[in-house]
């Protein structure tokens, strides 16, 4: 039974990463882990006996799912991700140490697969034929890197950065997930994949996390490790601007602010996001109380017309690409307040505990929230739920 649980917790993060292909493995693992919780501790029965108010809330939530409009019902089902993952991780018989290690191993396995698929593609095409292509490097960057697994680079980057935070966090713990040599190798591989993904907000995020890591090391008087961290920070900065495709993708969005003539054939993500943000802000101003979900309309369609007028190249409806604005458009000002309180609570918890890992995870979630609406996508909300469950749940701390 213990071995089955270990395998399931290794496969669970993988099932989320592979959910872009199929959600069925994820559903099977969730059902399996909930079953293991039930037969081991009778969790659900004891919970209902001790805390009857949970029954009332559950019934109200069920009514919302059954009788709410299709948008509220869909979002209510999506948000069940939080209690499900909290139950699974909170009631696990595995230590928090092992759960973190399995998370890292799962993301490592997926990262190796990405590189392996792309390597096979290059070999099958012929290495010299491949590099003779014009701007061949673009064939291994961004969505081209993840195309074989149909994955979105943003969510893969979130998983990788979360793994890097956990790995760096072992500097402040007695127990280590891996030997120093293995840790360096794994971190190098993660950084390589992260750079090839070219998710722009991820570069800001990883550099800010590394800067925070160095500050923690200095306060813990680990000056030699801090010096190594500073060198790593500088090397990442240099590497980002030395890879042609990466540099091109980064600088393209800055053209309007540098008075550079825009290539009309190319999309500009920064201008697109700015248009979406302005349209979202105006929509919230018009409907500060009754968001789109309460009115039974799509948040995408609500902002599309104005966003299109601000950025004519916008060809289809898109979400707000900002968690704070997305909450505001869907639920009004109350939605922004509630999501802001959640992020503030996470930061305060990290500061109170003096935990680099929690603060690092907060940096990841906060910065990505500024450019993505991942809380309303299952892959996005699942990684948030897992991270909060791992760091927030009161788990058994014995060695297993």
Foldseek 3Di string as FASTA:
>chain_A
DLVVLLVLLLCQLVLLQLVLVPNVVNVVSLVVLVVVLCVPPVVVVVCCVVDVVVVVVVVVLVCCLVPAFPLSNLLSVLVVLQVSLLSSLQSDQAALLSSLLSLLVSLLVVLVVLVVVVVVVCVVCPVVNQVVDDPSLLCCAACNSCVVSSGHLLLSLLSLLLNVLVQLLCVVPPDHSDPPVVSVVSNVSSLVSNLRNLPPLSLVLSLVLLVLSLVLCVVVVVNVVSVVSVVVSVVSVVVQCVRVVSVCLVVLLCCVVVVHDHDPVDDRVNQLLVLLQVLLVVLLVVPQAAACSNVNHDLQVSSVVSSCVSPVVPDDGDHNQAQLSNLCNHGHPVRNVVVVVVLVVQCVVCVVVVRSSSNSSSSSVNSSNGGHNLCSPSSSVNVVSNVCSSVPRDHDNDHD
